[in-house]
């Protein structure tokens, strides 16, 4: 996967239902789990973007917005869904943490490992 493909994958995950009805944010807003393979593709895309931008001093606005939404909004939607009784997949919370850490890594330029190493990195 190259940078442009990875960037598109991440941005597509925060699009409106008209643009991408299976975006992660739209599915979570509807109380639906991610599409099979969606989280894996996103984690790979995040790693590719990190490697491509770790020396960069700026990020483009669309990518920065997608990273923010994927790291913050998904956590909020997860909590709201749980409060409303949504039965999320068992590892979704950990996957969302991995997404947040990867987004933080892109912003900081230093790869962030999950706490306690229990998730084996990304």
PDB file of N, CA and C in Angstrom:
ATOM      1  N   UNK A   1       0.856  -1.173   0.000  1.00  0.00           N
ATOM      2  CA  UNK A   1       0.000   0.000   0.000  1.00  0.00           C
ATOM      3  C   UNK A   1       0.900   1.233   0.000  1.00  0.00           C
ATOM      4  N   UNK A   2       0.563   2.213  -0.836  1.00  0.00           N
ATOM      5  CA  UNK A   2       1.332   3.446  -0.871  1.00  0.00           C
ATOM      6  C   UNK A   2       0.630   4.538  -0.055  1.00  0.00           C
ATOM      7  N   UNK A   3       1.297   5.661   0.099  1.00  0.00           N
ATOM      8  CA  UNK A   3       0.772   6.751   0.923  1.00  0.00           C
ATOM      9  C   UNK A   3      -0.593   7.239   0.431  1.00  0.00           C
ATOM     10  N   UNK A   4      -0.728   7.474  -0.862  1.00  0.00           N
ATOM     11  CA  UNK A   4      -1.996   8.020  -1.376  1.00  0.00           C
ATOM     12  C   UNK A   4      -3.167   7.073  -1.113  1.00  0.00           C
ATOM     13  N   UNK A   5      -2.946   5.783  -1.292  1.00  0.00           N
ATOM     14  CA  UNK A   5      -3.992   4.793  -1.013  1.00  0.00           C
ATOM     15  C   UNK A   5      -4.329   4.788   0.474  1.00  0.00           C
ATOM     16  N   UNK A   6      -3.300   4.808   1.312  1.00  0.00           N
ATOM     17  CA  UNK A   6      -3.508   4.807   2.764  1.00  0.00           C
ATOM     18  C   UNK A   6      -4.274   6.048   3.195  1.00  0.00           C
ATOM     19  N   UNK A   7      -3.885   7.203   2.684  1.00  0.00           N
ATOM     20  CA  UNK A   7      -4.556   8.468   3.010  1.00  0.00           C
ATOM     21  C   UNK A   7      -6.039   8.398   2.619  1.00  0.00           C
ATOM     22  N   UNK A   8      -6.318   7.870   1.435  1.00  0.00           N
ATOM     23  CA  UNK A   8      -7.709   7.765   0.961  1.00  0.00           C
ATOM     24  C   UNK A   8      -8.521   6.831   1.862  1.00  0.00           C
ATOM     25  N   UNK A   9      -7.932   5.713   2.250  1.00  0.00           N
ATOM     26  CA  UNK A   9      -8.633   4.776   3.144  1.00  0.00           C
ATOM     27  C   UNK A   9      -9.043   5.479   4.429  1.00  0.00           C
ATOM     28  N   UNK A  10      -8.136   6.231   5.013  1.00  0.00           N
ATOM     29  CA  UNK A  10      -8.433   6.910   6.284  1.00  0.00           C
ATOM     30  C   UNK A  10      -9.487   7.996   6.112  1.00  0.00           C
ATOM     31  N   UNK A  11      -9.356   8.797   5.092  1.00  0.00           N
ATOM     32  CA  UNK A  11     -10.330   9.871   4.861  1.00  0.00           C
ATOM     33  C   UNK A  11     -11.709   9.286   4.557  1.00  0.00           C
ATOM     34  N   UNK A  12     -11.754   8.185   3.804  1.00  0.00           N
ATOM     35  CA  UNK A  12     -13.034   7.547   3.470  1.00  0.00           C
ATOM     36  C   UNK A  12     -13.776   7.052   4.713  1.00  0.00           C
ATOM     37  N   UNK A  13     -13.071   6.801   5.812  1.00  0.00           N
ATOM     38  CA  UNK A  13     -13.707   6.285   7.024  1.00  0.00           C
ATOM     39  C   UNK A  13     -14.509   7.327   7.791  1.00  0.00           C
ATOM     40  N   UNK A  14     -14.397   8.597   7.416  1.00  0.00           N
ATOM     41  CA  UNK A  14     -15.142   9.654   8.119  1.00  0.00           C
ATOM     42  C   UNK A  14     -16.126  10.370   7.207  1.00  0.00           C
ATOM     43  N   UNK A  15     -16.327   9.845   5.994  1.00  0.00           N
ATOM     44  CA  UNK A  15     -17.232  10.491   5.042  1.00  0.00           C
ATOM     45  C   UNK A  15     -18.698  10.276   5.415  1.00  0.00           C
ATOM     46  N   UNK A  16     -19.542  11.122   4.858  1.00  0.00           N
ATOM     47  CA  UNK A  16     -20.984  11.036   5.103  1.00  0.00           C
ATOM     48  C   UNK A  16     -21.563   9.791   4.434  1.00  0.00           C
ATOM     49  N   UNK A  17     -22.779   9.378   4.848  1.00  0.00           N
ATOM     50  CA  UNK A  17     -23.366   8.161   4.276  1.00  0.00           C
ATOM     51  C   UNK A  17     -23.585   8.246   2.769  1.00  0.00           C
ATOM     52  N   UNK A  18     -23.774   9.442   2.252  1.00  0.00           N
ATOM     53  CA  UNK A  18     -23.962   9.579   0.805  1.00  0.00           C
ATOM     54  C   UNK A  18     -22.658   9.245   0.071  1.00  0.00           C
ATOM     55  N   UNK A  19     -21.536   9.592   0.685  1.00  0.00           N
ATOM     56  CA  UNK A  19     -20.237   9.365   0.050  1.00  0.00           C
ATOM     57  C   UNK A  19     -19.695   7.972   0.335  1.00  0.00           C
ATOM     58  N   UNK A  20     -19.947   7.440   1.529  1.00  0.00           N
ATOM     59  CA  UNK A  20     -19.457   6.110   1.901  1.00  0.00           C
ATOM     60  C   UNK A  20     -20.343   5.555   3.019  1.00  0.00           C
ATOM     61  N   UNK A  21     -21.400   4.824   2.654  1.00  0.00           N
ATOM     62  CA  UNK A  21     -22.319   4.317   3.675  1.00  0.00           C
ATOM     63  C   UNK A  21     -21.672   3.330   4.648  1.00  0.00           C
ATOM     64  N   UNK A  22     -20.529   2.767   4.279  1.00  0.00           N
ATOM     65  CA  UNK A  22     -19.847   1.826   5.163  1.00  0.00           C
ATOM     66  C   UNK A  22     -18.645   2.435   5.876  1.00  0.00           C
ATOM     67  N   UNK A  23     -18.590   3.776   5.924  1.00  0.00           N
ATOM     68  CA  UNK A  23     -17.482   4.386   6.663  1.00  0.00           C
ATOM     69  C   UNK A  23     -17.608   3.988   8.138  1.00  0.00           C
ATOM     70  N   UNK A  24     -16.486   3.898   8.813  1.00  0.00           N
ATOM     71  CA  UNK A  24     -16.496   3.486  10.211  1.00  0.00           C
ATOM     72  C   UNK A  24     -17.368   4.400  11.053  1.00  0.00           C
ATOM     73  N   UNK A  25     -17.264   5.703  10.864  1.00  0.00           N
ATOM     74  CA  UNK A  25     -18.073   6.628  11.666  1.00  0.00           C
ATOM     75  C   UNK A  25     -19.565   6.424  11.422  1.00  0.00           C
ATOM     76  N   UNK A  26     -19.957   6.243  10.167  1.00  0.00           N
ATOM     77  CA  UNK A  26     -21.380   6.052   9.868  1.00  0.00           C
ATOM     78  C   UNK A  26     -21.888   4.757  10.484  1.00  0.00           C
ATOM     79  N   UNK A  27     -21.133   3.696  10.375  1.00  0.00           N
ATOM     80  CA  UNK A  27     -21.562   2.417  10.945  1.00  0.00           C
ATOM     81  C   UNK A  27     -21.694   2.534  12.460  1.00  0.00           C
ATOM     82  N   UNK A  28     -20.718   3.166  13.096  1.00  0.00           N
ATOM     83  CA  UNK A  28     -20.780   3.292  14.552  1.00  0.00           C
ATOM     84  C   UNK A  28     -21.937   4.189  14.985  1.00  0.00           C
ATOM     85  N   UNK A  29     -22.211   5.242  14.225  1.00  0.00           N
ATOM     86  CA  UNK A  29     -23.358   6.111  14.542  1.00  0.00           C
ATOM     87  C   UNK A  29     -24.667   5.325  14.488  1.00  0.00           C
ATOM     88  N   UNK A  30     -24.708   4.314  13.622  1.00  0.00           N
ATOM     89  CA  UNK A  30     -25.895   3.473  13.474  1.00  0.00           C
ATOM     90  C   UNK A  30     -25.882   2.280  14.419  1.00  0.00           C
ATOM     91  N   UNK A  31     -24.862   2.194  15.268  1.00  0.00           N
ATOM     92  CA  UNK A  31     -24.756   1.076  16.201  1.00  0.00           C
ATOM     93  C   UNK A  31     -24.335  -0.219  15.541  1.00  0.00           C
ATOM     94  N   UNK A  32     -23.685  -0.105  14.378  1.00  0.00           N
ATOM     95  CA  UNK A  32     -23.239  -1.291  13.640  1.00  0.00           C
ATOM     96  C   UNK A  32     -21.741  -1.480  13.834  1.00  0.00           C
ATOM     97  N   UNK A  33     -21.288  -2.727  13.859  1.00  0.00           N
ATOM     98  CA  UNK A  33     -19.848  -2.983  13.977  1.00  0.00           C
ATOM     99  C   UNK A  33     -19.144  -2.660  12.654  1.00  0.00           C
ATOM    100  N   UNK A  34     -17.824  -2.573  12.686  1.00  0.00           N
ATOM    101  CA  UNK A  34     -17.082  -2.368  11.433  1.00  0.00           C
ATOM    102  C   UNK A  34     -17.302  -3.524  10.462  1.00  0.00           C
ATOM    103  N   UNK A  35     -17.128  -3.238   9.188  1.00  0.00           N
ATOM    104  CA  UNK A  35     -17.159  -4.267   8.147  1.00  0.00           C
ATOM    105  C   UNK A  35     -15.951  -5.176   8.383  1.00  0.00           C
ATOM    106  N   UNK A  36     -16.075  -6.486   8.182  1.00  0.00           N
ATOM    107  CA  UNK A  36     -14.913  -7.370   8.358  1.00  0.00           C
ATOM    108  C   UNK A  36     -13.701  -6.869   7.561  1.00  0.00           C
ATOM    109  N   UNK A  37     -12.570  -6.805   8.234  1.00  0.00           N
ATOM    110  CA  UNK A  37     -11.337  -6.350   7.611  1.00  0.00           C
ATOM    111  C   UNK A  37     -11.131  -4.847   7.625  1.00  0.00           C
ATOM    112  N   UNK A  38     -12.162  -4.107   7.996  1.00  0.00           N
ATOM    113  CA  UNK A  38     -12.085  -2.637   7.971  1.00  0.00           C
ATOM    114  C   UNK A  38     -11.031  -2.101   8.945  1.00  0.00           C
ATOM    115  N   UNK A  39     -11.020  -2.609  10.158  1.00  0.00           N
ATOM    116  CA  UNK A  39     -10.060  -2.138  11.162  1.00  0.00           C
ATOM    117  C   UNK A  39      -8.637  -2.517  10.740  1.00  0.00           C
ATOM    118  N   UNK A  40      -8.447  -3.719  10.250  1.00  0.00           N
ATOM    119  CA  UNK A  40      -7.124  -4.156   9.805  1.00  0.00           C
ATOM    120  C   UNK A  40      -6.609  -3.255   8.691  1.00  0.00           C
ATOM    121  N   UNK A  41      -7.463  -2.934   7.730  1.00  0.00           N
ATOM    122  CA  UNK A  41      -7.069  -2.042   6.635  1.00  0.00           C
ATOM    123  C   UNK A  41      -6.703  -0.660   7.166  1.00  0.00           C
ATOM    124  N   UNK A  42      -7.474  -0.185   8.128  1.00  0.00           N
ATOM    125  CA  UNK A  42      -7.197   1.130   8.699  1.00  0.00           C
ATOM    126  C   UNK A  42      -5.877   1.133   9.458  1.00  0.00           C
ATOM    127  N   UNK A  43      -5.614   0.085  10.229  1.00  0.00           N
ATOM    128  CA  UNK A  43      -4.358   0.029  10.987  1.00  0.00           C
ATOM    129  C   UNK A  43      -3.154  -0.027  10.047  1.00  0.00           C
ATOM    130  N   UNK A  44      -3.272  -0.777   8.967  1.00  0.00           N
ATOM    131  CA  UNK A  44      -2.204  -0.820   7.975  1.00  0.00           C
ATOM    132  C   UNK A  44      -2.027   0.560   7.337  1.00  0.00           C
ATOM    133  N   UNK A  45      -3.134   1.193   6.992  1.00  0.00           N
ATOM    134  CA  UNK A  45      -3.078   2.536   6.390  1.00  0.00           C
ATOM    135  C   UNK A  45      -2.434   3.535   7.351  1.00  0.00           C
ATOM    136  N   UNK A  46      -2.763   3.440   8.623  1.00  0.00           N
ATOM    137  CA  UNK A  46      -2.172   4.337   9.617  1.00  0.00           C
ATOM    138  C   UNK A  46      -0.659   4.142   9.705  1.00  0.00           C
ATOM    139  N   UNK A  47      -0.216   2.912   9.651  1.00  0.00           N
ATOM    140  CA  UNK A  47       1.223   2.630   9.705  1.00  0.00           C
ATOM    141  C   UNK A  47       1.923   3.175   8.466  1.00  0.00           C
ATOM    142  N   UNK A  48       1.320   3.015   7.296  1.00  0.00           N
ATOM    143  CA  UNK A  48       1.896   3.532   6.054  1.00  0.00           C
ATOM    144  C   UNK A  48       1.977   5.055   6.111  1.00  0.00           C
ATOM    145  N   UNK A  49       0.906   5.704   6.570  1.00  0.00           N
ATOM    146  CA  UNK A  49       0.910   7.169   6.688  1.00  0.00           C
ATOM    147  C   UNK A  49       1.978   7.612   7.686  1.00  0.00           C
ATOM    148  N   UNK A  50       2.075   6.914   8.813  1.00  0.00           N
ATOM    149  CA  UNK A  50       3.103   7.258   9.795  1.00  0.00           C
ATOM    150  C   UNK A  50       4.491   7.196   9.160  1.00  0.00           C
ATOM    151  N   UNK A  51       4.797   6.086   8.505  1.00  0.00           N
ATOM    152  CA  UNK A  51       6.123   5.921   7.901  1.00  0.00           C
ATOM    153  C   UNK A  51       6.386   6.996   6.850  1.00  0.00           C
ATOM    154  N   UNK A  52       5.355   7.382   6.108  1.00  0.00           N
ATOM    155  CA  UNK A  52       5.519   8.381   5.053  1.00  0.00           C
ATOM    156  C   UNK A  52       5.695   9.785   5.610  1.00  0.00           C
ATOM    157  N   UNK A  53       5.101  10.063   6.772  1.00  0.00           N
ATOM    158  CA  UNK A  53       5.079  11.430   7.291  1.00  0.00           C
ATOM    159  C   UNK A  53       5.892  11.648   8.564  1.00  0.00           C
ATOM    160  N   UNK A  54       6.610  10.643   9.033  1.00  0.00           N
ATOM    161  CA  UNK A  54       7.265  10.796  10.334  1.00  0.00           C
ATOM    162  C   UNK A  54       8.273  11.938  10.369  1.00  0.00           C
ATOM    163  N   UNK A  55       8.798  12.353   9.239  1.00  0.00           N
ATOM    164  CA  UNK A  55       9.732  13.482   9.196  1.00  0.00           C
ATOM    165  C   UNK A  55       9.055  14.772   8.729  1.00  0.00           C
ATOM    166  N   UNK A  56       7.774  14.703   8.385  1.00  0.00           N
ATOM    167  CA  UNK A  56       7.065  15.887   7.872  1.00  0.00           C
ATOM    168  C   UNK A  56       6.776  16.878   8.997  1.00  0.00           C
ATOM    169  N   UNK A  57       6.776  18.144   8.656  1.00  0.00           N
ATOM    170  CA  UNK A  57       6.476  19.166   9.666  1.00  0.00           C
ATOM    171  C   UNK A  57       5.022  19.627   9.601  1.00  0.00           C
ATOM    172  N   UNK A  58       4.302  19.242   8.540  1.00  0.00           N
ATOM    173  CA  UNK A  58       2.894  19.619   8.415  1.00  0.00           C
ATOM    174  C   UNK A  58       2.084  18.436   7.880  1.00  0.00           C
ATOM    175  N   UNK A  59       0.774  18.495   8.136  1.00  0.00           N
ATOM    176  CA  UNK A  59      -0.172  17.512   7.603  1.00  0.00           C
ATOM    177  C   UNK A  59      -1.255  18.267   6.856  1.00  0.00           C
ATOM    178  N   UNK A  60      -1.812  17.651   5.817  1.00  0.00           N
ATOM    179  CA  UNK A  60      -2.908  18.330   5.131  1.00  0.00           C
ATOM    180  C   UNK A  60      -4.175  18.263   5.971  1.00  0.00           C
ATOM    181  N   UNK A  61      -5.032  19.241   5.786  1.00  0.00           N
ATOM    182  CA  UNK A  61      -6.227  19.409   6.608  1.00  0.00           C
ATOM    183  C   UNK A  61      -7.166  18.209   6.550  1.00  0.00           C
ATOM    184  N   UNK A  62      -7.402  17.647   5.366  1.00  0.00           N
ATOM    185  CA  UNK A  62      -8.318  16.510   5.247  1.00  0.00           C
ATOM    186  C   UNK A  62      -7.806  15.306   6.025  1.00  0.00           C
ATOM    187  N   UNK A  63      -6.517  15.035   5.933  1.00  0.00           N
ATOM    188  CA  UNK A  63      -5.939  13.923   6.675  1.00  0.00           C
ATOM    189  C   UNK A  63      -5.984  14.197   8.177  1.00  0.00           C
ATOM    190  N   UNK A  64      -5.628  15.414   8.573  1.00  0.00           N
ATOM    191  CA  UNK A  64      -5.650  15.757  10.005  1.00  0.00           C
ATOM    192  C   UNK A  64      -7.062  15.610  10.569  1.00  0.00           C
ATOM    193  N   UNK A  65      -8.068  16.044   9.821  1.00  0.00           N
ATOM    194  CA  UNK A  65      -9.456  15.908  10.271  1.00  0.00           C
ATOM    195  C   UNK A  65      -9.837  14.436  10.411  1.00  0.00           C
ATOM    196  N   UNK A  66      -9.450  13.625   9.424  1.00  0.00           N
ATOM    197  CA  UNK A  66      -9.759  12.187   9.484  1.00  0.00           C
ATOM    198  C   UNK A  66      -9.094  11.553  10.704  1.00  0.00           C
ATOM    199  N   UNK A  67      -7.848  11.896  10.964  1.00  0.00           N
ATOM    200  CA  UNK A  67      -7.149  11.338  12.126  1.00  0.00           C
ATOM    201  C   UNK A  67      -7.835  11.750  13.423  1.00  0.00           C
ATOM    202  N   UNK A  68      -8.238  12.995  13.511  1.00  0.00           N
ATOM    203  CA  UNK A  68      -8.949  13.465  14.699  1.00  0.00           C
ATOM    204  C   UNK A  68     -10.254  12.697  14.887  1.00  0.00           C
ATOM    205  N   UNK A  69     -11.034  12.613  13.835  1.00  0.00           N
ATOM    206  CA  UNK A  69     -12.323  11.919  13.915  1.00  0.00           C
ATOM    207  C   UNK A  69     -12.144  10.449  14.284  1.00  0.00           C
ATOM    208  N   UNK A  70     -11.154   9.806  13.684  1.00  0.00           N
ATOM    209  CA  UNK A  70     -10.935   8.386  13.954  1.00  0.00           C
ATOM    210  C   UNK A  70     -10.423   8.147  15.370  1.00  0.00           C
ATOM    211  N   UNK A  71      -9.705   9.098  15.923  1.00  0.00           N
ATOM    212  CA  UNK A  71      -9.169   8.883  17.268  1.00  0.00           C
ATOM    213  C   UNK A  71     -10.117   9.348  18.360  1.00  0.00           C
ATOM    214  N   UNK A  72     -10.868  10.408  18.137  1.00  0.00           N
ATOM    215  CA  UNK A  72     -11.736  10.963  19.177  1.00  0.00           C
ATOM    216  C   UNK A  72     -13.194  10.547  18.983  1.00  0.00           C
ATOM    217  N   UNK A  73     -13.731  10.784  17.818  1.00  0.00           N
ATOM    218  CA  UNK A  73     -15.157  10.536  17.572  1.00  0.00           C
ATOM    219  C   UNK A  73     -15.515   9.063  17.732  1.00  0.00           C
ATOM    220  N   UNK A  74     -14.634   8.166  17.286  1.00  0.00           N
ATOM    221  CA  UNK A  74     -14.946   6.743  17.424  1.00  0.00           C
ATOM    222  C   UNK A  74     -15.035   6.341  18.894  1.00  0.00           C
ATOM    223  N   UNK A  75     -14.175   6.918  19.732  1.00  0.00           N
ATOM    224  CA  UNK A  75     -14.227   6.634  21.176  1.00  0.00           C
ATOM    225  C   UNK A  75     -15.557   7.117  21.759  1.00  0.00           C
ATOM    226  N   UNK A  76     -15.969   8.311  21.338  1.00  0.00           N
ATOM    227  CA  UNK A  76     -17.242   8.871  21.811  1.00  0.00           C
ATOM    228  C   UNK A  76     -18.424   8.018  21.350  1.00  0.00           C
ATOM    229  N   UNK A  77     -18.396   7.596  20.087  1.00  0.00           N
ATOM    230  CA  UNK A  77     -19.485   6.766  19.561  1.00  0.00           C
ATOM    231  C   UNK A  77     -19.520   5.403  20.241  1.00  0.00           C
ATOM    232  N   UNK A  78     -18.352   4.852  20.535  1.00  0.00           N
ATOM    233  CA  UNK A  78     -18.288   3.579  21.244  1.00  0.00           C
ATOM    234  C   UNK A  78     -18.943   3.715  22.623  1.00  0.00           C
ATOM    235  N   UNK A  79     -18.575   4.751  23.355  1.00  0.00           N
ATOM    236  CA  UNK A  79     -19.127   4.957  24.701  1.00  0.00           C
ATOM    237  C   UNK A  79     -20.635   5.200  24.638  1.00  0.00           C
ATOM    238  N   UNK A  80     -21.077   6.015  23.702  1.00  0.00           N
ATOM    239  CA  UNK A  80     -22.510   6.298  23.564  1.00  0.00           C
ATOM    240  C   UNK A  80     -23.275   5.036  23.174  1.00  0.00           C
ATOM    241  N   UNK A  81     -22.698   4.244  22.280  1.00  0.00           N
ATOM    242  CA  UNK A  81     -23.345   2.999  21.876  1.00  0.00           C
ATOM    243  C   UNK A  81     -23.450   2.025  23.026  1.00  0.00           C
ATOM    244  N   UNK A  82     -22.388   1.904  23.779  1.00  0.00           N
ATOM    245  CA  UNK A  82     -22.406   1.005  24.931  1.00  0.00           C
ATOM    246  C   UNK A  82     -23.482   1.444  25.930  1.00  0.00           C
ATOM    247  N   UNK A  83     -23.567   2.750  26.163  1.00  0.00           N
ATOM    248  CA  UNK A  83     -24.579   3.293  27.089  1.00  0.00           C
ATOM    249  C   UNK A  83     -25.994   3.007  26.582  1.00  0.00           C
ATOM    250  N   UNK A  84     -26.147   2.996  25.262  1.00  0.00           N
ATOM    251  CA  UNK A  84     -27.455   2.740  24.652  1.00  0.00           C
ATOM    252  C   UNK A  84     -27.736   1.247  24.483  1.00  0.00           C
ATOM    253  N   UNK A  85     -26.787   0.403  24.914  1.00  0.00           N
ATOM    254  CA  UNK A  85     -27.014  -1.033  24.851  1.00  0.00           C
ATOM    255  C   UNK A  85     -26.511  -1.724  23.602  1.00  0.00           C
ATOM    256  N   UNK A  86     -25.696  -1.042  22.806  1.00  0.00           N
ATOM    257  CA  UNK A  86     -25.134  -1.686  21.613  1.00  0.00           C
ATOM    258  C   UNK A  86     -24.157  -2.767  22.059  1.00  0.00           C
ATOM    259  N   UNK A  87     -24.264  -3.917  21.432  1.00  0.00           N
ATOM    260  CA  UNK A  87     -23.373  -5.034  21.729  1.00  0.00           C
ATOM    261  C   UNK A  87     -22.224  -5.003  20.726  1.00  0.00           C
ATOM    262  N   UNK A  88     -21.192  -4.205  21.035  1.00  0.00           N
ATOM    263  CA  UNK A  88     -20.046  -4.061  20.143  1.00  0.00           C
ATOM    264  C   UNK A  88     -19.237  -5.355  20.112  1.00  0.00           C
ATOM    265  N   UNK A  89     -18.493  -5.584  19.032  1.00  0.00           N
ATOM    266  CA  UNK A  89     -17.595  -6.754  18.993  1.00  0.00           C
ATOM    267  C   UNK A  89     -16.608  -6.707  20.168  1.00  0.00           C
ATOM    268  N   UNK A  90     -16.183  -7.855  20.673  1.00  0.00           N
ATOM    269  CA  UNK A  90     -15.364  -7.915  21.880  1.00  0.00           C
ATOM    270  C   UNK A  90     -14.054  -7.131  21.818  1.00  0.00           C
ATOM    271  N   UNK A  91     -13.402  -7.071  20.683  1.00  0.00           N
ATOM    272  CA  UNK A  91     -12.102  -6.392  20.602  1.00  0.00           C
ATOM    273  C   UNK A  91     -12.174  -4.976  20.042  1.00  0.00           C
ATOM    274  N   UNK A  92     -13.384  -4.461  19.807  1.00  0.00           N
ATOM    275  CA  UNK A  92     -13.500  -3.140  19.193  1.00  0.00           C
ATOM    276  C   UNK A  92     -12.874  -2.050  20.056  1.00  0.00           C
ATOM    277  N   UNK A  93     -13.078  -2.105  21.357  1.00  0.00           N
ATOM    278  CA  UNK A  93     -12.509  -1.083  22.233  1.00  0.00           C
ATOM    279  C   UNK A  93     -10.985  -1.043  22.087  1.00  0.00           C
ATOM    280  N   UNK A  94     -10.340  -2.205  22.101  1.00  0.00           N
ATOM    281  CA  UNK A  94      -8.891  -2.274  21.947  1.00  0.00           C
ATOM    282  C   UNK A  94      -8.460  -1.801  20.559  1.00  0.00           C
ATOM    283  N   UNK A  95      -9.233  -2.155  19.533  1.00  0.00           N
ATOM    284  CA  UNK A  95      -8.920  -1.696  18.174  1.00  0.00           C
ATOM    285  C   UNK A  95      -8.992  -0.173  18.078  1.00  0.00           C
ATOM    286  N   UNK A  96      -9.984   0.414  18.716  1.00  0.00           N
ATOM    287  CA  UNK A  96     -10.116   1.873  18.693  1.00  0.00           C
ATOM    288  C   UNK A  96      -8.954   2.529  19.427  1.00  0.00           C
ATOM    289  N   UNK A  97      -8.477   1.904  20.490  1.00  0.00           N
ATOM    290  CA  UNK A  97      -7.296   2.402  21.194  1.00  0.00           C
ATOM    291  C   UNK A  97      -6.080   2.352  20.265  1.00  0.00           C
ATOM    292  N   UNK A  98      -5.940   1.281  19.538  1.00  0.00           N
ATOM    293  CA  UNK A  98      -4.827   1.147  18.593  1.00  0.00           C
ATOM    294  C   UNK A  98      -4.893   2.216  17.510  1.00  0.00           C
ATOM    295  N   UNK A  99      -6.099   2.514  17.039  1.00  0.00           N
ATOM    296  CA  UNK A  99      -6.281   3.582  16.041  1.00  0.00           C
ATOM    297  C   UNK A  99      -5.871   4.920  16.645  1.00  0.00           C
ATOM    298  N   UNK A 100      -6.300   5.190  17.860  1.00  0.00           N
ATOM    299  CA  UNK A 100      -5.955   6.457  18.527  1.00  0.00           C
ATOM    300  C   UNK A 100      -4.449   6.592  18.718  1.00  0.00           C
ATOM    301  N   UNK A 101      -3.814   5.516  19.138  1.00  0.00           N
ATOM    302  CA  UNK A 101      -2.360   5.561  19.332  1.00  0.00           C
ATOM    303  C   UNK A 101      -1.627   5.765  18.012  1.00  0.00           C
ATOM    304  N   UNK A 102      -2.124   5.149  16.954  1.00  0.00           N
ATOM    305  CA  UNK A 102      -1.504   5.333  15.642  1.00  0.00           C
ATOM    306  C   UNK A 102      -1.675   6.774  15.159  1.00  0.00           C
ATOM    307  N   UNK A 103      -2.858   7.352  15.372  1.00  0.00           N
ATOM    308  CA  UNK A 103      -3.081   8.754  14.998  1.00  0.00           C
ATOM    309  C   UNK A 103      -2.160   9.669  15.808  1.00  0.00           C
ATOM    310  N   UNK A 104      -2.044   9.403  17.097  1.00  0.00           N
ATOM    311  CA  UNK A 104      -1.134  10.177  17.943  1.00  0.00           C
ATOM    312  C   UNK A 104       0.296  10.055  17.411  1.00  0.00           C
ATOM    313  N   UNK A 105       0.670   8.876  16.979  1.00  0.00           N
ATOM    314  CA  UNK A 105       2.008   8.653  16.439  1.00  0.00           C
ATOM    315  C   UNK A 105       2.258   9.501  15.199  1.00  0.00           C
ATOM    316  N   UNK A 106       1.254   9.601  14.341  1.00  0.00           N
ATOM    317  CA  UNK A 106       1.393  10.412  13.125  1.00  0.00           C
ATOM    318  C   UNK A 106       1.600  11.870  13.500  1.00  0.00           C
ATOM    319  N   UNK A 107       0.847  12.363  14.487  1.00  0.00           N
ATOM    320  CA  UNK A 107       0.999  13.754  14.908  1.00  0.00           C
ATOM    321  C   UNK A 107       2.347  14.002  15.575  1.00  0.00           C
ATOM    322  N   UNK A 108       2.818  13.049  16.357  1.00  0.00           N
ATOM    323  CA  UNK A 108       4.049  13.257  17.124  1.00  0.00           C
ATOM    324  C   UNK A 108       5.318  12.902  16.362  1.00  0.00           C
ATOM    325  N   UNK A 109       5.222  12.013  15.378  1.00  0.00           N
ATOM    326  CA  UNK A 109       6.397  11.562  14.657  1.00  0.00           C
ATOM    327  C   UNK A 109       7.129  10.426  15.350  1.00  0.00           C
ATOM    328  N   UNK A 110       6.564   9.930  16.465  1.00  0.00           N
ATOM    329  CA  UNK A 110       7.159   8.824  17.219  1.00  0.00           C
ATOM    330  C   UNK A 110       6.091   7.755  17.408  1.00  0.00           C
ATOM    331  N   UNK A 111       6.415   6.521  17.033  1.00  0.00           N
ATOM    332  CA  UNK A 111       5.431   5.441  17.123  1.00  0.00           C
ATOM    333  C   UNK A 111       5.075   5.163  18.576  1.00  0.00           C
ATOM    334  N   UNK A 112       3.792   5.117  18.891  1.00  0.00           N
ATOM    335  CA  UNK A 112       3.274   4.879  20.231  1.00  0.00           C
ATOM    336  C   UNK A 112       2.802   3.429  20.339  1.00  0.00           C
ATOM    337  N   UNK A 113       3.369   2.696  21.265  1.00  0.00           N
ATOM    338  CA  UNK A 113       2.941   1.310  21.506  1.00  0.00           C
ATOM    339  C   UNK A 113       1.803   1.309  22.504  1.00  0.00           C
ATOM    340  N   UNK A 114       0.879   0.349  22.406  1.00  0.00           N
ATOM    341  CA  UNK A 114      -0.200   0.246  23.397  1.00  0.00           C
ATOM    342  C   UNK A 114       0.376   0.008  24.795  1.00  0.00           C
ATOM    343  N   UNK A 115      -0.307   0.482  25.835  1.00  0.00           N
ATOM    344  CA  UNK A 115       0.166   0.261  27.196  1.00  0.00           C
ATOM    345  C   UNK A 115       0.268  -1.237  27.507  1.00  0.00           C
ATOM    346  N   UNK A 116       1.231  -1.605  28.290  1.00  0.00           N
ATOM    347  CA  UNK A 116       1.494  -2.963  28.765  1.00  0.00           C
ATOM    348  C   UNK A 116       1.884  -3.938  27.656  1.00  0.00           C
ATOM    349  N   UNK A 117       1.947  -3.464  26.421  1.00  0.00           N
ATOM    350  CA  UNK A 117       2.367  -4.328  25.329  1.00  0.00           C
ATOM    351  C   UNK A 117       1.416  -5.457  25.046  1.00  0.00           C
ATOM    352  N   UNK A 118       0.231  -5.469  25.682  1.00  0.00           N
ATOM    353  CA  UNK A 118      -0.708  -6.567  25.547  1.00  0.00           C
ATOM    354  C   UNK A 118      -1.282  -6.737  24.158  1.00  0.00           C
ATOM    355  N   UNK A 119      -1.216  -5.696  23.351  1.00  0.00           N
ATOM    356  CA  UNK A 119      -1.769  -5.783  22.010  1.00  0.00           C
ATOM    357  C   UNK A 119      -0.685  -6.057  20.982  1.00  0.00           C
ATOM    358  N   UNK A 120       0.548  -6.201  21.426  1.00  0.00           N
ATOM    359  CA  UNK A 120       1.615  -6.573  20.509  1.00  0.00           C
ATOM    360  C   UNK A 120       1.977  -5.506  19.511  1.00  0.00           C
ATOM    361  N   UNK A 121       1.725  -4.248  19.797  1.00  0.00           N
ATOM    362  CA  UNK A 121       2.024  -3.187  18.837  1.00  0.00           C
ATOM    363  C   UNK A 121       1.006  -3.178  17.730  1.00  0.00           C
ATOM    364  N   UNK A 122       1.282  -2.395  16.717  1.00  0.00           N
ATOM    365  CA  UNK A 122       0.325  -2.322  15.615  1.00  0.00           C
ATOM    366  C   UNK A 122       0.844  -3.020  14.396  1.00  0.00           C
TER     367      UNK A 122
END
